[in-house]
Amino acid sequence: MNIPADLKYTESHEWVRQEADGTLTIGITEYAQDALGDIVFVELPQVGKAFTAGDDAAVVESVKAASDIYAPVSGTVVAANQAVADAPDSINADAYSAWLFKLQPNDPAAINGLLDAAAYGKTTEEH
């Protein structure tokens, strides 16, 4: 399974990439999209909406189930990927390029509390 070393992860299978401008790009991991199966619908958060870490921020639905996508850190949505909403199966094609939304974190250091690739890999082995 592909777990890029340059990303951070959550135990609920979101990946997080810190951008040069300080924003965080969020999507679901390859493990998550594989467990969900064929993704048929994505509900994205509204730009400008503020979330606390752990809040339900988006929904990904597959032919098997619907899954909440959680805000990995507290912050405000600054972008939502309409291309993924229009073509949900793009997540199945490449989970790490099909981002869902971008957050401006309230505390930029909060990303340090997320899992690195090695720690995330251990969580997927336990399932």
Protein backbone atom coordinates (compact mmCIF):
# COMPACT_ATOMS: atom_id res chain seq x y z
CA MET A 1 0.00 0.00 0.00
CA ASN A 2 1.17 3.50 -0.87
CA ILE A 3 1.78 5.74 2.19
CA PRO A 4 3.77 8.80 1.02
CA ALA A 5 6.41 9.82 3.58
CA ASP A 6 5.95 13.56 2.96
CA LEU A 7 2.36 13.61 4.27
CA LYS A 8 0.82 13.51 7.75
CA TYR A 9 -2.09 11.22 8.59
CA THR A 10 -4.99 10.73 11.00
CA GLU A 11 -6.20 7.51 12.58
CA SER A 12 -9.48 8.08 10.68
CA HIS A 13 -7.56 7.76 7.36
CA GLU A 14 -7.25 11.36 6.18
CA TRP A 15 -3.96 12.54 4.68
CA VAL A 16 -2.68 16.08 5.23
CA ARG A 17 -0.12 17.98 3.19
CA GLN A 18 1.31 21.27 4.46
CA GLU A 19 1.59 23.75 1.60
CA ALA A 20 4.20 26.50 1.23
CA ASP A 21 1.58 29.15 2.11
CA GLY A 22 0.78 27.43 5.42
CA THR A 23 -2.55 25.95 4.31
CA LEU A 24 -3.26 22.26 4.72
CA THR A 25 -4.55 20.11 1.86
CA ILE A 26 -6.71 17.18 3.01
CA GLY A 27 -7.87 14.00 1.33
CA ILE A 28 -8.47 10.34 2.14
CA THR A 29 -5.75 7.71 2.06
CA GLU A 30 -5.32 4.89 -0.39
CA TYR A 31 -6.23 2.52 2.46
CA ALA A 32 -9.53 4.37 2.99
CA GLN A 33 -10.52 4.47 -0.68
CA ASP A 34 -9.65 0.76 -1.00
CA ALA A 35 -11.83 -0.10 2.01
CA LEU A 36 -14.72 2.01 0.67
CA GLY A 37 -14.63 0.60 -2.85
CA ASP A 38 -16.04 2.50 -5.82
CA ILE A 39 -16.66 6.08 -4.70
CA VAL A 40 -19.82 7.53 -6.23
CA PHE A 41 -20.47 10.80 -4.34
CA VAL A 42 -18.47 13.43 -2.44
CA GLU A 43 -19.97 16.18 -0.28
CA LEU A 44 -17.45 18.97 0.27
CA PRO A 45 -17.42 21.65 2.99
CA GLN A 46 -18.30 25.24 2.21
CA VAL A 47 -15.41 27.68 1.76
CA GLY A 48 -15.30 29.91 4.83
CA LYS A 49 -16.66 27.28 7.21
CA ALA A 50 -14.67 26.89 10.43
CA PHE A 51 -14.04 23.49 11.99
CA THR A 52 -12.64 22.22 15.25
CA ALA A 53 -10.28 19.24 15.02
CA GLY A 54 -12.36 16.07 14.75
CA ASP A 55 -15.47 17.76 13.33
CA ASP A 56 -17.26 16.13 10.39
CA ALA A 57 -16.05 18.22 7.46
CA ALA A 58 -17.01 16.22 4.35
CA VAL A 59 -18.68 12.96 3.28
CA VAL A 60 -17.47 10.33 0.83
CA GLU A 61 -20.01 7.75 -0.35
CA SER A 62 -19.23 4.51 -2.10
CA VAL A 63 -21.35 1.67 -3.36
CA LYS A 64 -20.70 0.04 0.05
CA ALA A 65 -21.02 2.85 2.61
CA ALA A 66 -20.91 6.54 3.45
CA SER A 67 -17.94 7.76 5.43
CA ASP A 68 -17.46 11.04 7.28
CA ILE A 69 -14.24 12.91 6.61
CA TYR A 70 -12.96 14.73 9.68
CA ALA A 71 -11.07 17.98 10.06
CA PRO A 72 -7.57 16.88 11.13
CA VAL A 73 -6.91 20.20 12.91
CA SER A 74 -8.96 23.28 13.78
CA GLY A 75 -9.18 25.83 10.99
CA THR A 76 -11.18 27.48 8.24
CA VAL A 77 -11.88 26.00 4.80
CA VAL A 78 -10.15 28.08 2.11
CA ALA A 79 -10.82 25.79 -0.89
CA ALA A 80 -12.94 22.81 -1.89
CA ASN A 81 -12.05 20.58 -4.85
CA GLN A 82 -15.10 20.77 -7.12
CA ALA A 83 -13.34 18.54 -9.67
CA VAL A 84 -13.49 15.64 -7.17
CA ALA A 85 -17.17 16.33 -6.46
CA ASP A 86 -17.81 16.22 -10.21
CA ALA A 87 -15.76 13.01 -10.68
CA PRO A 88 -15.76 11.11 -7.35
CA ASP A 89 -14.08 8.07 -8.92
CA SER A 90 -10.91 10.19 -9.25
CA ILE A 91 -10.29 9.31 -5.59
CA ASN A 92 -10.18 5.62 -6.53
CA ALA A 93 -7.77 6.40 -9.37
CA ASP A 94 -5.28 8.30 -7.17
CA ALA A 95 -6.25 9.05 -3.58
CA TYR A 96 -3.23 11.29 -3.03
CA SER A 97 -3.86 13.67 -5.92
CA ALA A 98 -7.66 13.82 -5.46
CA TRP A 99 -7.70 16.23 -2.51
CA LEU A 100 -11.01 17.20 -0.94
CA PHE A 101 -10.49 20.55 0.77
CA LYS A 102 -7.89 22.98 2.10
CA LEU A 103 -7.80 24.45 5.59
CA GLN A 104 -6.10 27.51 7.00
CA PRO A 105 -5.16 26.09 10.41
CA ASN A 106 -5.80 28.11 13.56
CA ASP A 107 -2.48 26.79 14.91
CA PRO A 108 0.09 25.90 12.22
CA ALA A 109 1.96 23.69 14.72
CA ALA A 110 -1.12 21.46 15.16
CA ILE A 111 0.02 19.38 12.18
CA ASN A 112 2.87 18.12 14.38
CA GLY A 113 0.31 16.17 16.43
CA LEU A 114 -0.69 14.06 13.42
CA LEU A 115 0.77 10.68 12.48
CA ASP A 116 3.80 10.31 10.23
CA ALA A 117 3.83 7.67 7.48
CA ALA A 118 5.40 4.98 9.69
CA ALA A 119 2.89 5.47 12.51
CA TYR A 120 -0.03 5.54 10.05
CA GLY A 121 1.24 2.35 8.42
CA LYS A 122 1.03 0.63 11.82
CA THR A 123 -2.62 1.68 12.24
CA THR A 124 -3.52 0.12 8.89
CA GLU A 125 -1.81 -3.16 9.83
CA GLU A 126 -4.07 -3.40 12.90
CA HIS A 127 -7.27 -3.41 10.77
